[in-house]
Amino acid sequence: MLRAGVAVTASDQDGDDRHGGGQVGLATRAKAKPKKPSQFKVLMLNDDYTPMEFVVMVLKRFFNMDLEQATQVMLHVHQRGVGVCGIFPYDIAETKVNQVMDCARANHHPLQCTLEKA
């Protein structure tokens, strides 16, 4: 039998590749799309003791909000009891909750922040 102008011997057909005439199969693998990480809402809870100015400062500092946006979120938390500060992958959300809680504790405020699956 001829393959690309090369005579194929019986040993080639049996899988003996001493003469370089063996065929090579190309394995292909479908690329798996990376799964998007689960998202978590960072929630701020209202209390009757933490000053509104402090909450605005926290929102600006840890959530990169401008004054207007931070004020709107603070008022929402004040009026409704809870508000969303942002939605992040778990590690980032957990870090932000810890930053807010550490800052509140260091400033002697009872401000509470938590996260929940978005």
N, C-alpha and C. Protein backbone atom coordinates (compact mmCIF):
# COMPACT_ATOMS: atom_id res chain seq x y z
N MET A 1 0.85 -1.17 0.00
CA MET A 1 0.00 0.00 0.00
C MET A 1 0.89 1.23 0.00
N LEU A 2 0.45 2.29 -0.67
CA LEU A 2 1.21 3.53 -0.72
C LEU A 2 0.53 4.58 0.16
N ARG A 3 1.35 5.31 0.87
CA ARG A 3 0.82 6.41 1.67
C ARG A 3 1.71 7.61 1.38
N ALA A 4 1.12 8.64 0.81
CA ALA A 4 1.84 9.88 0.47
C ALA A 4 3.15 9.59 -0.23
N GLY A 5 3.11 8.67 -1.17
CA GLY A 5 4.29 8.36 -1.97
C GLY A 5 5.30 7.49 -1.26
N VAL A 6 4.97 6.95 -0.09
CA VAL A 6 5.89 6.09 0.65
C VAL A 6 5.29 4.70 0.71
N ALA A 7 6.09 3.72 0.44
CA ALA A 7 5.62 2.33 0.51
C ALA A 7 5.47 1.95 1.97
N VAL A 8 4.35 1.33 2.29
CA VAL A 8 4.09 0.90 3.66
C VAL A 8 4.37 -0.58 3.72
N THR A 9 5.24 -0.96 4.62
CA THR A 9 5.59 -2.37 4.77
C THR A 9 4.67 -3.00 5.79
N ALA A 10 4.76 -4.32 5.91
CA ALA A 10 3.93 -5.05 6.86
C ALA A 10 4.24 -4.60 8.28
N SER A 11 5.49 -4.30 8.55
CA SER A 11 5.83 -3.87 9.91
C SER A 11 5.22 -2.51 10.23
N ASP A 12 5.10 -1.63 9.21
CA ASP A 12 4.46 -0.34 9.42
C ASP A 12 2.99 -0.51 9.75
N GLN A 13 2.34 -1.44 9.09
CA GLN A 13 0.92 -1.66 9.32
C GLN A 13 0.66 -2.27 10.69
N ASP A 14 1.63 -2.98 11.22
CA ASP A 14 1.48 -3.61 12.53
C ASP A 14 1.79 -2.64 13.67
N GLY A 15 2.14 -1.41 13.34
CA GLY A 15 2.39 -0.41 14.37
C GLY A 15 3.85 -0.21 14.65
N ASP A 16 4.76 -0.93 13.92
CA ASP A 16 6.19 -0.74 14.11
C ASP A 16 6.56 0.57 13.43
N ASP A 17 7.10 1.53 14.17
CA ASP A 17 7.33 2.85 13.63
C ASP A 17 8.82 3.13 13.45
N ARG A 18 9.63 2.10 13.17
CA ARG A 18 11.06 2.28 13.02
C ARG A 18 11.41 3.14 11.82
N HIS A 19 10.55 3.16 10.83
CA HIS A 19 10.85 3.88 9.60
C HIS A 19 10.14 5.23 9.53
N GLY A 20 9.49 5.65 10.60
CA GLY A 20 8.83 6.94 10.60
C GLY A 20 7.54 6.96 9.82
N GLY A 21 7.02 5.81 9.45
CA GLY A 21 5.81 5.76 8.63
C GLY A 21 4.53 5.63 9.44
N GLY A 22 4.63 5.56 10.76
CA GLY A 22 3.42 5.42 11.58
C GLY A 22 2.59 6.69 11.55
N GLN A 23 1.31 6.52 11.71
CA GLN A 23 0.42 7.68 11.72
C GLN A 23 0.28 8.20 13.13
N VAL A 24 0.15 9.50 13.23
CA VAL A 24 0.00 10.14 14.54
C VAL A 24 -1.40 10.73 14.61
N GLY A 25 -2.15 10.38 15.66
CA GLY A 25 -3.50 10.92 15.84
C GLY A 25 -3.41 12.23 16.61
N LEU A 26 -4.29 13.14 16.29
CA LEU A 26 -4.32 14.43 16.96
C LEU A 26 -5.52 14.45 17.90
N ALA A 27 -5.24 14.55 19.17
CA ALA A 27 -6.32 14.59 20.16
C ALA A 27 -6.73 16.04 20.35
N THR A 28 -7.99 16.30 20.30
CA THR A 28 -8.49 17.65 20.56
C THR A 28 -9.33 17.62 21.82
N ARG A 29 -9.31 18.71 22.53
CA ARG A 29 -10.08 18.82 23.77
C ARG A 29 -10.92 20.08 23.69
N ALA A 30 -12.18 19.94 23.99
CA ALA A 30 -13.06 21.11 24.00
C ALA A 30 -12.65 21.99 25.17
N LYS A 31 -12.54 23.28 24.93
CA LYS A 31 -12.18 24.20 26.00
C LYS A 31 -13.40 24.44 26.89
N ALA A 32 -13.22 24.19 28.15
CA ALA A 32 -14.29 24.44 29.10
C ALA A 32 -14.25 25.91 29.48
N LYS A 33 -15.39 26.57 29.39
CA LYS A 33 -15.44 27.98 29.78
C LYS A 33 -15.35 28.06 31.29
N PRO A 34 -14.53 28.99 31.79
CA PRO A 34 -14.44 29.13 33.24
C PRO A 34 -15.78 29.59 33.81
N LYS A 35 -16.15 28.99 34.91
CA LYS A 35 -17.41 29.34 35.56
C LYS A 35 -17.26 30.66 36.29
N LYS A 36 -18.25 31.54 36.12
CA LYS A 36 -18.22 32.82 36.82
C LYS A 36 -18.33 32.56 38.33
N PRO A 37 -17.54 33.28 39.13
CA PRO A 37 -17.64 33.07 40.57
C PRO A 37 -19.01 33.54 41.09
N SER A 38 -19.47 32.88 42.13
CA SER A 38 -20.72 33.28 42.76
C SER A 38 -20.58 34.70 43.29
N GLN A 39 -21.65 35.44 43.21
CA GLN A 39 -21.64 36.84 43.65
C GLN A 39 -22.36 36.97 45.00
N PHE A 40 -21.88 37.90 45.81
CA PHE A 40 -22.44 38.12 47.14
C PHE A 40 -22.72 39.60 47.35
N LYS A 41 -23.86 39.89 47.97
CA LYS A 41 -24.23 41.27 48.31
C LYS A 41 -23.62 41.60 49.66
N VAL A 42 -23.02 42.78 49.74
CA VAL A 42 -22.56 43.30 51.02
C VAL A 42 -23.67 44.20 51.53
N LEU A 43 -24.20 43.86 52.70
CA LEU A 43 -25.34 44.57 53.27
C LEU A 43 -24.92 45.34 54.51
N MET A 44 -25.44 46.56 54.64
CA MET A 44 -25.22 47.36 55.83
C MET A 44 -26.55 47.43 56.58
N LEU A 45 -26.47 47.25 57.90
CA LEU A 45 -27.68 47.24 58.73
C LEU A 45 -27.77 48.54 59.53
N ASN A 46 -28.98 49.03 59.68
CA ASN A 46 -29.22 50.26 60.42
C ASN A 46 -29.12 50.00 61.92
N ASP A 47 -28.67 51.01 62.63
CA ASP A 47 -28.74 51.01 64.09
C ASP A 47 -29.05 52.44 64.53
N ASP A 48 -29.37 52.60 65.79
CA ASP A 48 -29.78 53.92 66.29
C ASP A 48 -28.62 54.73 66.85
N TYR A 49 -27.38 54.26 66.70
CA TYR A 49 -26.26 54.91 67.36
C TYR A 49 -25.16 55.41 66.43
N THR A 50 -24.92 54.71 65.32
CA THR A 50 -23.83 55.10 64.42
C THR A 50 -24.22 56.38 63.69
N PRO A 51 -23.36 57.41 63.76
CA PRO A 51 -23.68 58.67 63.07
C PRO A 51 -23.76 58.48 61.54
N MET A 52 -24.68 59.20 60.94
CA MET A 52 -24.86 59.12 59.49
C MET A 52 -23.58 59.51 58.75
N GLU A 53 -22.86 60.49 59.29
CA GLU A 53 -21.62 60.94 58.66
C GLU A 53 -20.58 59.82 58.61
N PHE A 54 -20.55 59.01 59.66
CA PHE A 54 -19.61 57.89 59.71
C PHE A 54 -19.97 56.86 58.64
N VAL A 55 -21.26 56.59 58.50
CA VAL A 55 -21.71 55.62 57.48
C VAL A 55 -21.33 56.13 56.08
N VAL A 56 -21.54 57.40 55.83
CA VAL A 56 -21.16 57.97 54.53
C VAL A 56 -19.66 57.82 54.30
N MET A 57 -18.86 58.10 55.33
CA MET A 57 -17.40 57.97 55.21
C MET A 57 -17.02 56.52 54.88
N VAL A 58 -17.65 55.57 55.54
CA VAL A 58 -17.37 54.14 55.30
C VAL A 58 -17.71 53.76 53.86
N LEU A 59 -18.85 54.22 53.39
CA LEU A 59 -19.27 53.90 52.02
C LEU A 59 -18.32 54.50 50.99
N LYS A 60 -17.85 55.69 51.25
CA LYS A 60 -16.89 56.33 50.33
C LYS A 60 -15.55 55.60 50.38
N ARG A 61 -15.10 55.29 51.57
CA ARG A 61 -13.76 54.71 51.75
C ARG A 61 -13.66 53.27 51.26
N PHE A 62 -14.62 52.43 51.63
CA PHE A 62 -14.49 51.00 51.33
C PHE A 62 -15.24 50.56 50.08
N PHE A 63 -16.16 51.40 49.60
CA PHE A 63 -16.94 51.01 48.42
C PHE A 63 -16.77 52.00 47.27
N ASN A 64 -15.83 52.91 47.41
CA ASN A 64 -15.48 53.88 46.37
C ASN A 64 -16.69 54.65 45.82
N MET A 65 -17.61 54.99 46.71
CA MET A 65 -18.78 55.78 46.30
C MET A 65 -18.45 57.26 46.39
N ASP A 66 -19.09 58.05 45.53
CA ASP A 66 -18.94 59.50 45.68
C ASP A 66 -19.91 59.95 46.78
N LEU A 67 -19.84 61.21 47.15
CA LEU A 67 -20.64 61.72 48.26
C LEU A 67 -22.14 61.52 48.03
N GLU A 68 -22.60 61.81 46.82
CA GLU A 68 -24.04 61.68 46.52
C GLU A 68 -24.50 60.23 46.63
N GLN A 69 -23.75 59.33 46.03
CA GLN A 69 -24.12 57.91 46.06
C GLN A 69 -24.08 57.37 47.49
N ALA A 70 -23.04 57.72 48.25
CA ALA A 70 -22.92 57.26 49.64
C ALA A 70 -24.07 57.79 50.49
N THR A 71 -24.46 59.03 50.26
CA THR A 71 -25.57 59.62 51.00
C THR A 71 -26.88 58.90 50.68
N GLN A 72 -27.10 58.57 49.43
CA GLN A 72 -28.31 57.85 49.04
C GLN A 72 -28.38 56.47 49.70
N VAL A 73 -27.26 55.75 49.69
CA VAL A 73 -27.24 54.42 50.32
C VAL A 73 -27.45 54.55 51.83
N MET A 74 -26.79 55.52 52.44
CA MET A 74 -26.95 55.73 53.88
C MET A 74 -28.41 56.01 54.24
N LEU A 75 -29.07 56.87 53.47
CA LEU A 75 -30.48 57.18 53.73
C LEU A 75 -31.37 55.96 53.53
N HIS A 76 -31.06 55.16 52.52
CA HIS A 76 -31.81 53.93 52.28
C HIS A 76 -31.68 53.00 53.49
N VAL A 77 -30.46 52.84 54.00
CA VAL A 77 -30.23 52.00 55.18
C VAL A 77 -30.99 52.58 56.37
N HIS A 78 -30.93 53.88 56.55
CA HIS A 78 -31.59 54.55 57.67
C HIS A 78 -33.11 54.36 57.63
N GLN A 79 -33.69 54.49 56.44
CA GLN A 79 -35.15 54.43 56.30
C GLN A 79 -35.70 53.01 56.23
N ARG A 80 -34.95 52.09 55.64
CA ARG A 80 -35.47 50.73 55.41
C ARG A 80 -34.83 49.66 56.30
N GLY A 81 -33.78 50.04 57.02
CA GLY A 81 -33.17 49.09 57.95
C GLY A 81 -31.99 48.32 57.38
N VAL A 82 -31.88 48.24 56.08
CA VAL A 82 -30.78 47.51 55.44
C VAL A 82 -30.59 48.07 54.04
N GLY A 83 -29.36 48.01 53.55
CA GLY A 83 -29.08 48.48 52.20
C GLY A 83 -27.89 47.75 51.60
N VAL A 84 -27.87 47.65 50.28
CA VAL A 84 -26.79 46.98 49.57
C VAL A 84 -25.68 47.99 49.28
N CYS A 85 -24.47 47.64 49.71
CA CYS A 85 -23.30 48.48 49.47
C CYS A 85 -22.61 48.12 48.15
N GLY A 86 -22.80 46.88 47.72
CA GLY A 86 -22.18 46.42 46.48
C GLY A 86 -22.33 44.92 46.34
N ILE A 87 -22.01 44.42 45.15
CA ILE A 87 -22.07 42.99 44.86
C ILE A 87 -20.70 42.57 44.32
N PHE A 88 -20.13 41.53 44.95
CA PHE A 88 -18.76 41.13 44.68
C PHE A 88 -18.61 39.61 44.75
N PRO A 89 -17.50 39.08 44.20
CA PRO A 89 -17.18 37.67 44.46
C PRO A 89 -16.96 37.49 45.96
N TYR A 90 -17.08 36.26 46.45
CA TYR A 90 -17.06 36.00 47.89
C TYR A 90 -15.85 36.60 48.60
N ASP A 91 -14.65 36.36 48.10
CA ASP A 91 -13.45 36.83 48.79
C ASP A 91 -13.44 38.35 48.97
N ILE A 92 -13.85 39.06 47.94
CA ILE A 92 -13.88 40.52 48.02
C ILE A 92 -14.98 40.98 48.97
N ALA A 93 -16.16 40.36 48.88
CA ALA A 93 -17.26 40.72 49.77
C ALA A 93 -16.88 40.49 51.23
N GLU A 94 -16.26 39.36 51.50
CA GLU A 94 -15.84 39.04 52.88
C GLU A 94 -14.81 40.06 53.38
N THR A 95 -13.89 40.43 52.53
CA THR A 95 -12.87 41.43 52.90
C THR A 95 -13.52 42.77 53.22
N LYS A 96 -14.47 43.19 52.40
CA LYS A 96 -15.14 44.47 52.63
C LYS A 96 -15.94 44.45 53.94
N VAL A 97 -16.63 43.36 54.21
CA VAL A 97 -17.37 43.24 55.48
C VAL A 97 -16.40 43.38 56.65
N ASN A 98 -15.28 42.68 56.57
CA ASN A 98 -14.29 42.75 57.66
C ASN A 98 -13.71 44.15 57.81
N GLN A 99 -13.45 44.84 56.69
CA GLN A 99 -12.92 46.20 56.76
C GLN A 99 -13.92 47.14 57.44
N VAL A 100 -15.19 47.03 57.06
CA VAL A 100 -16.22 47.89 57.66
C VAL A 100 -16.35 47.60 59.15
N MET A 101 -16.41 46.33 59.50
CA MET A 101 -16.58 45.96 60.91
C MET A 101 -15.37 46.39 61.75
N ASP A 102 -14.17 46.24 61.22
CA ASP A 102 -12.97 46.66 61.94
C ASP A 102 -12.95 48.17 62.15
N CYS A 103 -13.31 48.90 61.09
CA CYS A 103 -13.35 50.36 61.17
C CYS A 103 -14.39 50.82 62.18
N ALA A 104 -15.57 50.22 62.15
CA ALA A 104 -16.64 50.59 63.09
C ALA A 104 -16.20 50.31 64.53
N ARG A 105 -15.62 49.14 64.75
CA ARG A 105 -15.16 48.76 66.08
C ARG A 105 -14.06 49.72 66.58
N ALA A 106 -13.13 50.06 65.70
CA ALA A 106 -12.03 50.96 66.06
C ALA A 106 -12.55 52.36 66.42
N ASN A 107 -13.69 52.73 65.86
CA ASN A 107 -14.29 54.05 66.14
C ASN A 107 -15.44 53.97 67.14
N HIS A 108 -15.57 52.82 67.78
CA HIS A 108 -16.55 52.60 68.84
C HIS A 108 -17.99 52.79 68.37
N HIS A 109 -18.28 52.30 67.16
CA HIS A 109 -19.64 52.35 66.62
C HIS A 109 -20.16 50.92 66.47
N PRO A 110 -21.46 50.72 66.71
CA PRO A 110 -22.03 49.37 66.60
C PRO A 110 -22.47 48.99 65.19
N LEU A 111 -22.01 49.71 64.18
CA LEU A 111 -22.40 49.46 62.80
C LEU A 111 -22.17 48.00 62.43
N GLN A 112 -23.17 47.40 61.80
CA GLN A 112 -23.09 46.00 61.38
C GLN A 112 -23.12 45.90 59.87
N CYS A 113 -22.32 44.98 59.35
CA CYS A 113 -22.24 44.75 57.92
C CYS A 113 -22.17 43.23 57.74
N THR A 114 -22.83 42.73 56.73
CA THR A 114 -22.85 41.29 56.50
C THR A 114 -22.89 41.03 54.99
N LEU A 115 -22.89 39.75 54.62
CA LEU A 115 -23.02 39.43 53.20
C LEU A 115 -24.03 38.30 53.03
N GLU A 116 -24.60 38.25 51.84
CA GLU A 116 -25.52 37.16 51.48
C GLU A 116 -25.36 36.90 49.98
N LYS A 117 -25.68 35.68 49.59
CA LYS A 117 -25.57 35.30 48.18
C LYS A 117 -26.50 36.15 47.34
N ALA A 118 -25.97 36.67 46.25
CA ALA A 118 -26.76 37.56 45.37
C ALA A 118 -27.72 36.75 44.51
